[in-house]
Structure formats: structure tokens, C-alpha cells
């Protein structure tokens, strides 16, 4: 039961990163007119409220990190969320040692 709770937490973690990446983080890469004004205002509010200047003034090295997030992590988020949601069917383990033990038994 405790492992299932942890899997649900991981599901929400990965699922929540999908809209955050698409609507907030990718504003550093895409032209300003792609996003509606409420999302631009949300980003500005976040950056001012939490004192995150890089979200408003994007240095080139920061854009490269966001590009990696878009290219590598974004496709993984829905897969990971689905895997943790369907954990018993997918036999997803939340511990690396459990995975190693399963491989050793084969």
C-alpha cells in the first residue's frame, strides 16, 4: 500500500510537469506572440514573486537547458506519468534496488 501511494505521488509529479513545461518553461524558447497574454502575465508574476530573473531575461546557456528539457524530458513526462498510474500492470518499481533484484532472479 505504501508503495502505491508513492507511485501516485510520482504520477502527479510527472503529470504536473507537462503543463508547466508547455505553458511556462517553453516561453524562454518560443516567440512571445505564441502564448496568450494570461500565460505571459503568469510567467511575469512568477518571476517577480519568486525572484527568478532568468525566467524573464533568458541567457543563452539557460535556453540550452530549456531546449534539453523540451527535447529530452517533455516526451518522457507522459510516459512516466502513465507508467506510475498503471504501475501494477507495468510492474514499475519505485526503487532501483528492487529493479536489480528482479533482474538477478531471471
C-alpha atoms as a PDB file:
ATOM      1  CA  UNK A   1       0.000   0.000   0.000  1.00  0.00           C
ATOM      2  CA  UNK A   2       2.793   2.452   0.861  1.00  0.00           C
ATOM      3  CA  UNK A   3       4.466   1.792  -2.479  1.00  0.00           C
ATOM      4  CA  UNK A   4       1.200   2.519  -4.320  1.00  0.00           C
ATOM      5  CA  UNK A   5       0.933   5.873  -2.527  1.00  0.00           C
ATOM      6  CA  UNK A   6       4.465   6.693  -3.646  1.00  0.00           C
ATOM      7  CA  UNK A   7       3.598   5.711  -7.219  1.00  0.00           C
ATOM      8  CA  UNK A   8       0.585   8.051  -7.154  1.00  0.00           C
ATOM      9  CA  UNK A   9       2.815  10.865  -5.882  1.00  0.00           C
ATOM     10  CA  UNK A  10       5.231  10.203  -8.755  1.00  0.00           C
ATOM     11  CA  UNK A  11       2.299  10.173 -11.191  1.00  0.00           C
ATOM     12  CA  UNK A  12       1.215  13.653 -10.061  1.00  0.00           C
ATOM     13  CA  UNK A  13       4.819  14.875 -10.158  1.00  0.00           C
ATOM     14  CA  UNK A  14       5.324  13.849 -13.792  1.00  0.00           C
ATOM     15  CA  UNK A  15       1.785  14.800 -14.877  1.00  0.00           C
ATOM     16  CA  UNK A  16       2.123  18.275 -13.359  1.00  0.00           C
ATOM     17  CA  UNK A  17       5.327  18.911 -15.307  1.00  0.00           C
ATOM     18  CA  UNK A  18       3.569  18.559 -18.649  1.00  0.00           C
ATOM     19  CA  UNK A  19       1.601  21.841 -18.461  1.00  0.00           C
ATOM     20  CA  UNK A  20       4.415  23.587 -16.566  1.00  0.00           C
ATOM     21  CA  UNK A  21       6.875  22.778 -19.324  1.00  0.00           C
ATOM     22  CA  UNK A  22       4.493  23.578 -22.177  1.00  0.00           C
ATOM     23  CA  UNK A  23       2.970  26.776 -20.794  1.00  0.00           C
ATOM     24  CA  UNK A  24       5.725  28.276 -18.643  1.00  0.00           C
ATOM     25  CA  UNK A  25       9.209  26.925 -19.342  1.00  0.00           C
ATOM     26  CA  UNK A  26       8.996  26.911 -23.134  1.00  0.00           C
ATOM     27  CA  UNK A  27       8.273  30.636 -23.144  1.00  0.00           C
ATOM     28  CA  UNK A  28      12.058  31.016 -22.938  1.00  0.00           C
ATOM     29  CA  UNK A  29      12.422  29.435 -26.393  1.00  0.00           C
ATOM     30  CA  UNK A  30       9.345  30.323 -28.398  1.00  0.00           C
ATOM     31  CA  UNK A  31       8.448  33.778 -29.759  1.00  0.00           C
ATOM     32  CA  UNK A  32       6.458  35.984 -27.412  1.00  0.00           C
ATOM     33  CA  UNK A  33       3.349  36.065 -29.605  1.00  0.00           C
ATOM     34  CA  UNK A  34       2.875  32.270 -29.381  1.00  0.00           C
ATOM     35  CA  UNK A  35       1.483  32.448 -25.845  1.00  0.00           C
ATOM     36  CA  UNK A  36      -1.715  34.235 -24.813  1.00  0.00           C
ATOM     37  CA  UNK A  37      -1.327  37.238 -22.542  1.00  0.00           C
ATOM     38  CA  UNK A  38      -2.607  35.478 -19.379  1.00  0.00           C
ATOM     39  CA  UNK A  39       0.235  32.926 -19.619  1.00  0.00           C
ATOM     40  CA  UNK A  40       2.792  35.666 -20.218  1.00  0.00           C
ATOM     41  CA  UNK A  41       1.407  37.506 -17.199  1.00  0.00           C
ATOM     42  CA  UNK A  42       1.593  34.301 -15.137  1.00  0.00           C
ATOM     43  CA  UNK A  43       5.257  33.896 -16.027  1.00  0.00           C
ATOM     44  CA  UNK A  44       5.975  37.525 -15.173  1.00  0.00           C
ATOM     45  CA  UNK A  45       4.151  37.176 -11.842  1.00  0.00           C
ATOM     46  CA  UNK A  46       6.086  34.002 -11.027  1.00  0.00           C
ATOM     47  CA  UNK A  47       9.434  35.570 -11.880  1.00  0.00           C
ATOM     48  CA  UNK A  48       8.750  38.674  -9.798  1.00  0.00           C
ATOM     49  CA  UNK A  49       7.123  36.876  -6.861  1.00  0.00           C
ATOM     50  CA  UNK A  50       9.798  34.199  -6.542  1.00  0.00           C
ATOM     51  CA  UNK A  51      12.680  36.413  -7.690  1.00  0.00           C
ATOM     52  CA  UNK A  52      13.621  34.273 -10.681  1.00  0.00           C
ATOM     53  CA  UNK A  53      15.177  36.742 -13.150  1.00  0.00           C
ATOM     54  CA  UNK A  54      16.217  34.071 -15.649  1.00  0.00           C
ATOM     55  CA  UNK A  55      12.601  33.364 -16.465  1.00  0.00           C
ATOM     56  CA  UNK A  56      12.275  36.934 -17.748  1.00  0.00           C
ATOM     57  CA  UNK A  57      15.726  37.594 -19.195  1.00  0.00           C
ATOM     58  CA  UNK A  58      16.849  34.314 -20.734  1.00  0.00           C
ATOM     59  CA  UNK A  59      20.636  33.938 -21.126  1.00  0.00           C
ATOM     60  CA  UNK A  60      21.701  31.685 -23.997  1.00  0.00           C
ATOM     61  CA  UNK A  61      23.001  28.954 -21.698  1.00  0.00           C
ATOM     62  CA  UNK A  62      19.625  28.914 -19.918  1.00  0.00           C
ATOM     63  CA  UNK A  63      17.863  28.489 -23.258  1.00  0.00           C
ATOM     64  CA  UNK A  64      20.030  25.443 -23.933  1.00  0.00           C
ATOM     65  CA  UNK A  65      18.794  23.866 -20.684  1.00  0.00           C
ATOM     66  CA  UNK A  66      15.187  24.616 -21.605  1.00  0.00           C
ATOM     67  CA  UNK A  67      15.807  23.147 -25.055  1.00  0.00           C
ATOM     68  CA  UNK A  68      17.081  19.938 -23.412  1.00  0.00           C
ATOM     69  CA  UNK A  69      14.002  19.919 -21.206  1.00  0.00           C
ATOM     70  CA  UNK A  70      11.766  20.222 -24.267  1.00  0.00           C
ATOM     71  CA  UNK A  71      13.661  17.647 -26.307  1.00  0.00           C
ATOM     72  CA  UNK A  72      14.501  15.029 -23.682  1.00  0.00           C
ATOM     73  CA  UNK A  73      12.234  15.425 -20.671  1.00  0.00           C
ATOM     74  CA  UNK A  74       8.953  16.547 -22.217  1.00  0.00           C
ATOM     75  CA  UNK A  75       8.411  13.317 -24.209  1.00  0.00           C
ATOM     76  CA  UNK A  76       9.237  11.326 -21.075  1.00  0.00           C
ATOM     77  CA  UNK A  77       6.746  13.064 -18.742  1.00  0.00           C
ATOM     78  CA  UNK A  78       3.542  11.495 -20.163  1.00  0.00           C
ATOM     79  CA  UNK A  79       5.198   8.076 -20.424  1.00  0.00           C
ATOM     80  CA  UNK A  80       6.378   8.227 -16.820  1.00  0.00           C
ATOM     81  CA  UNK A  81       3.018   9.515 -15.583  1.00  0.00           C
ATOM     82  CA  UNK A  82       1.198   6.693 -17.359  1.00  0.00           C
ATOM     83  CA  UNK A  83       3.675   4.121 -16.091  1.00  0.00           C
ATOM     84  CA  UNK A  84       3.232   5.182 -12.477  1.00  0.00           C
ATOM     85  CA  UNK A  85      -0.544   5.361 -12.871  1.00  0.00           C
ATOM     86  CA  UNK A  86      -0.634   1.839 -14.293  1.00  0.00           C
ATOM     87  CA  UNK A  87       2.205   0.607 -12.066  1.00  0.00           C
ATOM     88  CA  UNK A  88       0.841  -2.861 -11.263  1.00  0.00           C
ATOM     89  CA  UNK A  89       0.236  -3.589 -14.951  1.00  0.00           C
ATOM     90  CA  UNK A  90       3.605  -2.169 -15.996  1.00  0.00           C
ATOM     91  CA  UNK A  91       5.384  -3.618 -12.955  1.00  0.00           C
ATOM     92  CA  UNK A  92       7.072  -0.280 -12.258  1.00  0.00           C
ATOM     93  CA  UNK A  93       9.278  -0.234  -9.217  1.00  0.00           C
ATOM     94  CA  UNK A  94       9.968   2.963  -7.336  1.00  0.00           C
ATOM     95  CA  UNK A  95      13.283   1.645  -6.074  1.00  0.00           C
ATOM     96  CA  UNK A  96      16.376   0.890  -8.119  1.00  0.00           C
ATOM     97  CA  UNK A  97      17.347  -1.927  -5.788  1.00  0.00           C
ATOM     98  CA  UNK A  98      14.040  -3.675  -6.477  1.00  0.00           C
ATOM     99  CA  UNK A  99      14.773  -3.491 -10.196  1.00  0.00           C
ATOM    100  CA  UNK A 100      18.203  -5.027  -9.676  1.00  0.00           C
ATOM    101  CA  UNK A 101      16.728  -7.804  -7.545  1.00  0.00           C
ATOM    102  CA  UNK A 102      14.170  -8.568 -10.247  1.00  0.00           C
ATOM    103  CA  UNK A 103      16.909  -8.766 -12.886  1.00  0.00           C
ATOM    104  CA  UNK A 104      19.015 -11.050 -10.692  1.00  0.00           C
ATOM    105  CA  UNK A 105      16.113 -13.509 -10.307  1.00  0.00           C
ATOM    106  CA  UNK A 106      15.832 -14.038 -14.071  1.00  0.00           C
END
